[in-house]
Protein backbone atom coordinates (compact mmCIF):
# COMPACT_ATOMS: atom_id res chain seq x y z
CA UNK A 1 89.05 96.69 97.10
CA UNK A 2 91.51 94.88 95.29
CA UNK A 3 89.31 91.94 95.98
CA UNK A 4 91.87 89.68 98.15
CA UNK A 5 91.48 88.87 101.13
CA UNK A 6 94.51 89.72 103.87
CA UNK A 7 95.34 85.90 104.38
CA UNK A 8 95.52 85.82 100.69
CA UNK A 9 97.94 88.35 100.63
CA UNK A 10 99.61 87.11 103.58
CA UNK A 11 100.00 83.74 102.15
CA UNK A 12 101.44 85.32 99.15
CA UNK A 13 103.97 87.28 100.76
CA UNK A 14 104.88 84.50 103.15
CA UNK A 15 103.27 86.65 106.18
CA UNK A 16 100.83 85.78 108.94
CA UNK A 17 97.27 86.78 108.60
CA UNK A 18 98.30 89.42 112.19
CA UNK A 19 100.99 90.77 110.08
CA UNK A 20 99.05 91.78 107.07
CA UNK A 21 96.19 93.85 109.87
CA UNK A 22 98.86 95.46 111.25
CA UNK A 23 99.90 96.86 108.38
CA UNK A 24 96.32 98.01 107.18
CA UNK A 25 95.62 99.32 110.68
CA UNK A 26 99.26 101.09 110.69
CA UNK A 27 100.19 99.54 114.11
CA UNK A 28 103.05 98.46 112.18
CA UNK A 29 104.82 100.20 109.68
CA UNK A 30 105.59 98.23 106.20
CA UNK A 31 108.94 98.32 104.54
CA UNK A 32 109.40 99.29 101.24
CA UNK A 33 110.66 96.26 100.23
CA UNK A 34 106.98 94.71 101.45
CA UNK A 35 105.19 97.36 99.39
CA UNK A 36 107.34 96.66 95.91
CA UNK A 37 105.93 92.83 96.53
CA UNK A 38 102.64 93.96 97.52
CA UNK A 39 102.71 95.71 94.72
CA UNK A 40 103.72 93.20 92.11
CA UNK A 41 101.06 90.79 93.29
CA UNK A 42 98.75 93.04 92.16
CA UNK A 43 100.02 93.92 89.16
CA UNK A 44 100.22 97.69 90.05
CA UNK A 45 103.36 99.93 90.14
CA UNK A 46 104.64 101.09 93.89
CA UNK A 47 103.55 104.77 93.14
CA UNK A 48 99.77 103.99 93.38
CA UNK A 49 99.95 103.53 97.20
CA UNK A 50 101.09 107.34 96.92
CA UNK A 51 97.92 108.51 94.81
CA UNK A 52 96.84 111.49 95.46
CA UNK A 53 100.04 112.35 98.64
CA UNK A 54 100.86 115.88 98.47
CA UNK A 55 104.49 116.20 97.50
CA UNK A 56 106.68 118.30 99.77
CA UNK A 57 108.70 119.72 97.36
CA UNK A 58 106.32 120.33 94.91
CA UNK A 59 102.40 120.33 95.90
CA UNK A 60 101.98 118.04 93.10
CA UNK A 61 101.68 114.38 92.86
CA UNK A 62 104.32 111.88 95.10
CA UNK A 63 105.94 110.16 92.30
CA UNK A 64 108.33 107.08 93.35
CA UNK A 65 111.53 106.75 91.57
CA UNK A 66 111.68 103.24 90.53
CA UNK A 67 115.81 103.00 91.06
CA UNK A 68 115.01 104.11 94.60
CA UNK A 69 112.53 101.45 95.48
CA UNK A 70 114.54 99.08 94.02
CA UNK A 71 118.06 100.22 96.18
CA UNK A 72 116.03 100.53 98.90
CA UNK A 73 114.43 97.07 98.40
CA UNK A 74 118.44 95.54 98.19
CA UNK A 75 119.23 97.22 101.02
CA UNK A 76 116.12 96.27 103.29
CA UNK A 77 117.73 92.68 102.29
CA UNK A 78 120.89 93.36 104.42
CA UNK A 79 121.17 91.51 107.62
CA UNK A 80 123.59 92.72 109.06
CA UNK A 81 123.10 96.67 110.76
CA UNK A 82 126.86 97.50 109.85
CA UNK A 83 126.27 97.35 106.52
CA UNK A 84 123.13 99.42 106.38
CA UNK A 85 124.50 102.19 108.85
CA UNK A 86 127.71 102.72 106.17
CA UNK A 87 125.50 103.03 103.41
CA UNK A 88 123.15 105.29 105.24
CA UNK A 89 126.42 106.96 105.94
CA UNK A 90 127.77 106.87 102.33
CA UNK A 91 124.56 107.55 100.48
CA UNK A 92 124.14 110.92 103.01
CA UNK A 93 128.05 111.58 102.24
CA UNK A 94 126.56 111.27 98.46
CA UNK A 95 124.04 113.27 98.50
CA UNK A 96 125.81 116.43 100.50
CA UNK A 97 129.04 116.14 97.63
CA UNK A 98 125.93 115.94 94.88
CA UNK A 99 124.35 119.31 96.63
CA UNK A 100 127.87 121.37 97.00
CA UNK A 101 127.98 120.90 100.69
CA UNK A 102 130.93 118.37 101.19
CA UNK A 103 132.51 118.41 104.43
């Protein structure tokens, strides 16, 4: 559809053809950071991949918040799982605090 082969995309992403093929078929999940990388390669915004999806909150088209994507991309680059888990706990606590559900 974009006029690009899986091999070409894989080369630009630093992946193998098979990895890209597994993303396309749904055999493997694609991370937010890879989706963001593909959007840059294709010259589209990340919300391109979600066009037409129902928004679970309002029933409209899903809109991706660029800040959230950038944060997810940065978190995905952290290799230490303990740090990722602590960040997850921090984010949950901040969301609860913001919603007034302080524990």
